[in-house]
């Protein structure tokens, strides 16, 4: 109480801190008042001020972690908020390691959402809430899953959802994209999806994917060169992308290509897919690689 009243006096909101303290004790509020940021109006009476402090109506702030950003981008957003207390790098690294569930990175383990907080909360507090929310959602969806889906663990589902998240921003396409990838996995076909390659390139990516990138077997995220899923998620998938993986489209499509308007053309056969590639892509960019393409011949 005395700390709060001194702060109010120093800022000119009250003139006699000791007298206000006596009033607070008289109302039985002295044990209820805690430090924090409050919205105070100049016309407030002392009793109104004390009641607001006692109710704990501290100012709320928010930070949004958008779907599809990477963990590093999420950390940058949190570190850029001046009302959040930054965790020391070593302590943050330890927390992230604990939240990685044994993987090499905690990438993907945080549910994108708008998170509310009060001044002085730590960046890692937001991460822990986001992580807990993702764990709960993923556990629920995994428990209700189709047992025939070609995924062996919740982590694989999280990884695939991150790819779905990066492949389309069109809500109606998420289940179609998820269905294509799940059918390709079930058939042993490579995913051949650009976002995984881009993630693996990191800072080397300059905005253009080239054939050399798609042939690079040293990039462990290159799903044109490796079979199955990449080793980790490539972004923070939102709830809709996760639900799409667990409730995919049930058609027979195995291919899709960007149409240039934000949507995709889906095909069941390689011949249909190649026709769609010629229609939508080859005339636009000579080195364009559709995502996903046909699997490379195996020898």
Protein backbone atom coordinates (compact mmCIF):
# COMPACT_ATOMS: atom_id res chain seq x y z
CA UNK A 1 0.00 0.00 0.00
CA UNK A 2 2.67 2.51 1.01
CA UNK A 3 4.64 1.81 -2.20
CA UNK A 4 1.54 2.47 -4.33
CA UNK A 5 0.65 5.64 -2.44
CA UNK A 6 4.18 6.99 -2.71
CA UNK A 7 4.03 6.43 -6.46
CA UNK A 8 0.73 8.29 -6.70
CA UNK A 9 2.10 11.16 -4.63
CA UNK A 10 5.26 11.39 -6.75
CA UNK A 11 3.10 11.64 -9.88
CA UNK A 12 0.92 14.34 -8.35
CA UNK A 13 -2.29 12.32 -8.09
CA UNK A 14 -2.50 12.71 -4.31
CA UNK A 15 -0.91 15.22 -1.93
CA UNK A 16 -1.12 13.49 1.44
CA UNK A 17 -0.13 9.85 1.06
CA UNK A 18 -0.25 9.12 4.78
CA UNK A 19 -3.78 10.51 5.10
CA UNK A 20 -4.96 8.46 2.10
CA UNK A 21 -3.38 5.41 3.72
CA UNK A 22 -5.43 5.99 6.86
CA UNK A 23 -8.60 6.20 4.75
CA UNK A 24 -7.68 2.95 2.98
CA UNK A 25 -7.25 1.23 6.32
CA UNK A 26 -10.57 2.63 7.49
CA UNK A 27 -12.31 1.07 4.48
CA UNK A 28 -10.40 -2.18 4.99
CA UNK A 29 -8.73 -1.78 1.59
CA UNK A 30 -5.11 -1.62 2.72
CA UNK A 31 -4.55 -5.37 2.19
CA UNK A 32 -6.27 -5.42 -1.21
CA UNK A 33 -4.31 -2.73 -3.03
CA UNK A 34 -1.45 -3.97 -5.21
CA UNK A 35 1.00 -2.28 -7.53
CA UNK A 36 0.21 -2.05 -11.24
CA UNK A 37 -0.82 0.31 -14.02
CA UNK A 38 -4.26 1.85 -13.52
CA UNK A 39 -6.36 4.32 -15.48
CA UNK A 40 -6.95 7.26 -13.13
CA UNK A 41 -9.23 10.20 -13.90
CA UNK A 42 -8.48 13.66 -12.55
CA UNK A 43 -12.01 14.16 -11.18
CA UNK A 44 -11.90 11.00 -9.07
CA UNK A 45 -12.47 11.31 -5.33
CA UNK A 46 -10.04 9.61 -2.96
CA UNK A 47 -12.59 6.88 -2.18
CA UNK A 48 -13.19 6.23 -5.91
CA UNK A 49 -9.45 6.04 -6.48
CA UNK A 50 -8.99 3.58 -3.63
CA UNK A 51 -11.87 1.41 -4.85
CA UNK A 52 -10.37 1.20 -8.34
CA UNK A 53 -6.99 0.21 -6.91
CA UNK A 54 -8.61 -2.36 -4.63
CA UNK A 55 -10.59 -3.95 -7.48
CA UNK A 56 -7.33 -4.55 -9.31
CA UNK A 57 -8.54 -2.95 -12.53
CA UNK A 58 -5.05 -2.76 -13.99
CA UNK A 59 -4.53 -1.65 -17.57
CA UNK A 60 -4.52 -4.49 -20.07
CA UNK A 61 -2.26 -4.67 -23.10
CA UNK A 62 -2.19 -7.20 -25.90
CA UNK A 63 0.21 -8.71 -28.38
CA UNK A 64 -0.81 -10.71 -31.44
CA UNK A 65 1.12 -13.70 -32.72
CA UNK A 66 -0.20 -14.16 -36.29
CA UNK A 67 -0.67 -17.57 -37.89
CA UNK A 68 2.23 -18.69 -40.02
CA UNK A 69 5.04 -16.70 -38.44
CA UNK A 70 8.17 -18.48 -37.27
CA UNK A 71 9.30 -18.75 -33.68
CA UNK A 72 12.03 -16.18 -34.32
CA UNK A 73 9.47 -13.76 -35.71
CA UNK A 74 7.28 -14.35 -32.66
CA UNK A 75 10.21 -13.59 -30.37
CA UNK A 76 10.88 -10.37 -32.28
CA UNK A 77 7.25 -9.30 -31.80
CA UNK A 78 7.42 -9.98 -28.07
CA UNK A 79 10.77 -8.25 -27.66
CA UNK A 80 9.44 -5.23 -29.53
CA UNK A 81 6.60 -4.64 -27.07
CA UNK A 82 7.71 -2.02 -24.55
CA UNK A 83 5.26 -3.21 -21.87
CA UNK A 84 6.68 -6.73 -21.76
CA UNK A 85 9.74 -7.52 -19.66
CA UNK A 86 12.40 -9.27 -21.71
CA UNK A 87 13.80 -12.49 -20.32
CA UNK A 88 17.58 -12.78 -20.23
CA UNK A 89 18.83 -14.69 -23.33
CA UNK A 90 20.21 -17.64 -21.36
CA UNK A 91 17.01 -18.04 -19.33
CA UNK A 92 14.87 -17.69 -22.47
CA UNK A 93 16.93 -20.34 -24.27
CA UNK A 94 16.45 -22.69 -21.32
CA UNK A 95 12.68 -22.11 -21.32
CA UNK A 96 12.45 -22.72 -25.05
CA UNK A 97 14.43 -25.92 -24.70
CA UNK A 98 12.00 -27.11 -22.03
CA UNK A 99 9.06 -26.28 -24.33
CA UNK A 100 10.56 -28.09 -27.33
CA UNK A 101 9.30 -31.49 -26.11
CA UNK A 102 12.65 -33.09 -26.89
CA UNK A 103 12.90 -31.72 -30.44
CA UNK A 104 15.84 -29.70 -31.73
CA UNK A 105 13.72 -26.55 -31.66
CA UNK A 106 10.50 -25.29 -30.11
CA UNK A 107 9.32 -24.16 -33.55
CA UNK A 108 5.59 -24.66 -34.03
CA UNK A 109 4.72 -25.31 -30.39
CA UNK A 110 2.97 -21.96 -29.80
CA UNK A 111 -0.66 -21.24 -30.65
CA UNK A 112 -1.06 -18.02 -32.67
CA UNK A 113 -3.51 -15.77 -30.88
CA UNK A 114 -3.94 -12.31 -29.39
CA UNK A 115 -2.66 -12.51 -25.83
CA UNK A 116 -3.57 -10.03 -23.10
CA UNK A 117 -1.17 -9.07 -20.33
CA UNK A 118 -0.37 -6.37 -17.81
CA UNK A 119 2.69 -4.14 -17.71
CA UNK A 120 5.70 -5.97 -16.34
CA UNK A 121 4.65 -9.44 -17.48
CA UNK A 122 7.50 -11.34 -19.11
CA UNK A 123 7.81 -12.35 -22.74
CA UNK A 124 8.26 -15.93 -21.58
CA UNK A 125 4.90 -15.71 -19.76
CA UNK A 126 3.19 -15.14 -23.13
CA UNK A 127 5.17 -18.00 -24.66
CA UNK A 128 4.18 -20.36 -21.86
CA UNK A 129 0.48 -19.52 -22.22
CA UNK A 130 0.70 -19.95 -25.99
CA UNK A 131 2.59 -23.22 -25.56
CA UNK A 132 0.08 -24.60 -23.06
CA UNK A 133 -2.81 -23.69 -25.38
CA UNK A 134 -1.14 -25.47 -28.31
CA UNK A 135 -0.46 -28.56 -26.23
CA UNK A 136 -4.08 -28.76 -25.09
CA UNK A 137 -5.48 -28.28 -28.60
CA UNK A 138 -3.10 -30.78 -30.18
CA UNK A 139 -3.76 -33.39 -27.49
CA UNK A 140 -7.51 -33.04 -27.99
CA UNK A 141 -7.31 -33.36 -31.77
CA UNK A 142 -4.90 -36.29 -31.59
CA UNK A 143 -7.19 -38.16 -29.19
CA UNK A 144 -10.08 -37.75 -31.67
CA UNK A 145 -8.04 -38.54 -34.80
CA UNK A 146 -8.80 -41.00 -37.58
CA UNK A 147 -6.58 -43.95 -36.66
CA UNK A 148 -5.88 -44.59 -40.34
CA UNK A 149 -4.21 -41.24 -40.97
CA UNK A 150 -0.56 -41.65 -42.07
CA UNK A 151 0.89 -39.74 -39.12
CA UNK A 152 2.67 -41.41 -36.24
CA UNK A 153 2.61 -38.73 -33.55
CA UNK A 154 1.09 -35.40 -32.53
CA UNK A 155 4.41 -33.80 -33.50
CA UNK A 156 4.05 -35.03 -37.07
CA UNK A 157 0.55 -33.54 -37.15
CA UNK A 158 1.93 -30.26 -35.85
CA UNK A 159 4.62 -30.31 -38.54
CA UNK A 160 2.13 -30.98 -41.33
CA UNK A 161 -0.21 -28.27 -40.02
CA UNK A 162 2.64 -25.76 -40.21
CA UNK A 163 3.12 -26.62 -43.88
CA UNK A 164 -0.61 -26.28 -44.57
CA UNK A 165 -0.51 -22.90 -42.82
CA UNK A 166 2.29 -21.66 -45.08
CA UNK A 167 0.83 -23.06 -48.30
CA UNK A 168 -2.45 -21.16 -48.33
CA UNK A 169 -4.09 -18.12 -46.84
CA UNK A 170 -7.48 -19.17 -48.21
CA UNK A 171 -9.58 -20.74 -45.43
CA UNK A 172 -11.61 -22.90 -47.82
CA UNK A 173 -8.44 -24.50 -49.21
CA UNK A 174 -6.87 -25.70 -45.98
CA UNK A 175 -8.66 -29.05 -45.95
CA UNK A 176 -7.86 -29.59 -49.63
CA UNK A 177 -4.17 -28.84 -49.09
CA UNK A 178 -4.08 -31.09 -46.03
CA UNK A 179 -5.79 -33.86 -47.98
CA UNK A 180 -3.25 -33.68 -50.79
CA UNK A 181 -0.32 -33.93 -48.40
CA UNK A 182 -1.84 -36.78 -46.38
CA UNK A 183 -2.57 -38.79 -49.52
CA UNK A 184 0.96 -38.20 -50.79
CA UNK A 185 2.39 -39.36 -47.47
CA UNK A 186 0.18 -42.46 -47.54
CA UNK A 187 1.40 -43.29 -51.07
CA UNK A 188 5.07 -42.67 -50.24
CA UNK A 189 5.22 -39.63 -52.53
CA UNK A 190 7.42 -36.71 -51.64
CA UNK A 191 5.60 -33.61 -50.43
CA UNK A 192 7.60 -31.30 -52.74
CA UNK A 193 6.42 -28.09 -51.14
CA UNK A 194 8.24 -24.77 -51.49
CA UNK A 195 7.70 -23.40 -47.95
CA UNK A 196 9.80 -26.18 -46.42
CA UNK A 197 12.69 -25.40 -48.75
CA UNK A 198 12.42 -21.69 -47.96
CA UNK A 199 12.45 -22.39 -44.23
CA UNK A 200 15.58 -24.51 -44.59
CA UNK A 201 17.33 -21.79 -46.58
CA UNK A 202 16.86 -19.30 -43.76
CA UNK A 203 18.68 -16.04 -44.41
CA UNK A 204 19.96 -17.40 -47.74
CA UNK A 205 16.50 -17.07 -49.25
CA UNK A 206 16.35 -13.91 -51.37
CA UNK A 207 12.75 -14.20 -52.53
CA UNK A 208 13.40 -16.57 -55.41
CA UNK A 209 13.52 -20.35 -55.40
CA UNK A 210 15.85 -21.78 -58.02
CA UNK A 211 16.31 -25.27 -59.37
CA UNK A 212 19.57 -25.58 -57.46
CA UNK A 213 17.65 -25.06 -54.21
CA UNK A 214 15.20 -27.83 -55.07
CA UNK A 215 18.04 -30.25 -55.83
CA UNK A 216 20.00 -29.43 -52.69
CA UNK A 217 20.12 -32.57 -50.53
CA UNK A 218 22.06 -30.78 -47.78
CA UNK A 219 18.91 -28.82 -46.91
CA UNK A 220 17.20 -31.20 -44.49
CA UNK A 221 13.92 -29.31 -45.01
CA UNK A 222 13.98 -29.82 -48.78
CA UNK A 223 10.90 -31.94 -49.36
CA UNK A 224 11.79 -32.16 -53.05
CA UNK A 225 14.84 -34.20 -52.04
CA UNK A 226 13.73 -35.95 -48.84
CA UNK A 227 10.87 -38.33 -48.30
CA UNK A 228 8.24 -37.77 -45.65
CA UNK A 229 7.91 -34.75 -43.41
CA UNK A 230 10.66 -32.26 -42.60
CA UNK A 231 12.35 -32.75 -39.20
CA UNK A 232 10.42 -29.97 -37.44
CA UNK A 233 7.50 -27.61 -38.03
CA UNK A 234 8.31 -24.61 -40.21
CA UNK A 235 6.00 -22.05 -38.58
CA UNK A 236 3.34 -21.55 -35.93
CA UNK A 237 0.17 -23.17 -37.31
CA UNK A 238 -3.19 -21.73 -36.33
CA UNK A 239 -6.11 -23.74 -35.02
CA UNK A 240 -7.78 -23.86 -38.46
CA UNK A 241 -4.70 -25.42 -40.08
CA UNK A 242 -4.46 -27.99 -37.29
CA UNK A 243 -8.12 -28.89 -37.64
CA UNK A 244 -7.68 -29.23 -41.41
CA UNK A 245 -4.99 -31.88 -40.88
CA UNK A 246 -7.33 -33.88 -38.64
CA UNK A 247 -10.36 -33.34 -40.89
CA UNK A 248 -8.94 -33.26 -44.43
CA UNK A 249 -10.66 -33.22 -47.78
CA UNK A 250 -11.55 -36.77 -48.86
CA UNK A 251 -11.13 -36.39 -52.62
CA UNK A 252 -8.45 -38.09 -54.76
CA UNK A 253 -6.36 -35.02 -55.60
CA UNK A 254 -2.58 -35.43 -55.35
CA UNK A 255 -1.32 -32.18 -56.86
CA UNK A 256 -1.92 -28.47 -56.69
CA UNK A 257 -0.45 -25.38 -58.27
CA UNK A 258 -0.83 -21.68 -57.49
CA UNK A 259 -3.14 -19.87 -59.91
CA UNK A 260 -1.65 -16.45 -59.26
CA UNK A 261 -4.70 -15.03 -57.50
CA UNK A 262 -4.01 -16.51 -54.08
CA UNK A 263 -5.87 -19.75 -54.80
CA UNK A 264 -4.76 -23.10 -56.20
CA UNK A 265 -5.78 -25.50 -58.94
CA UNK A 266 -6.05 -29.10 -57.71
CA UNK A 267 -5.51 -32.18 -59.86
CA UNK A 268 -5.91 -35.93 -59.48
CA UNK A 269 -3.42 -37.00 -62.13
CA UNK A 270 0.03 -35.92 -63.20
CA UNK A 271 -1.27 -35.12 -66.69
CA UNK A 272 -3.92 -32.77 -65.28
CA UNK A 273 -1.34 -31.20 -63.01
CA UNK A 274 1.13 -30.58 -65.84
CA UNK A 275 -1.64 -28.95 -67.85
CA UNK A 276 -2.44 -26.68 -64.88
CA UNK A 277 1.24 -25.80 -64.49
CA UNK A 278 1.43 -24.78 -68.15
CA UNK A 279 -1.72 -22.71 -67.81
CA UNK A 280 -0.92 -20.88 -64.60
CA UNK A 281 2.82 -20.88 -64.13
CA UNK A 282 5.22 -21.62 -66.95
CA UNK A 283 4.22 -18.56 -68.93
CA UNK A 284 4.72 -16.44 -65.81
CA UNK A 285 8.12 -17.58 -64.59
CA UNK A 286 10.49 -19.89 -66.41
CA UNK A 287 12.11 -21.30 -63.26
CA UNK A 288 8.88 -21.71 -61.28
CA UNK A 289 8.45 -24.99 -59.43
CA UNK A 290 4.87 -25.86 -58.56
CA UNK A 291 4.17 -27.17 -55.13
CA UNK A 292 3.94 -30.07 -54.87
CA UNK A 293 5.14 -31.62 -58.14
CA UNK A 294 5.22 -35.18 -59.24
CA UNK A 295 7.58 -37.45 -57.33
CA UNK A 296 11.04 -37.92 -58.79
CA UNK A 297 11.63 -41.29 -60.45
CA UNK A 298 13.14 -43.78 -57.99
CA UNK A 299 15.98 -46.02 -59.17
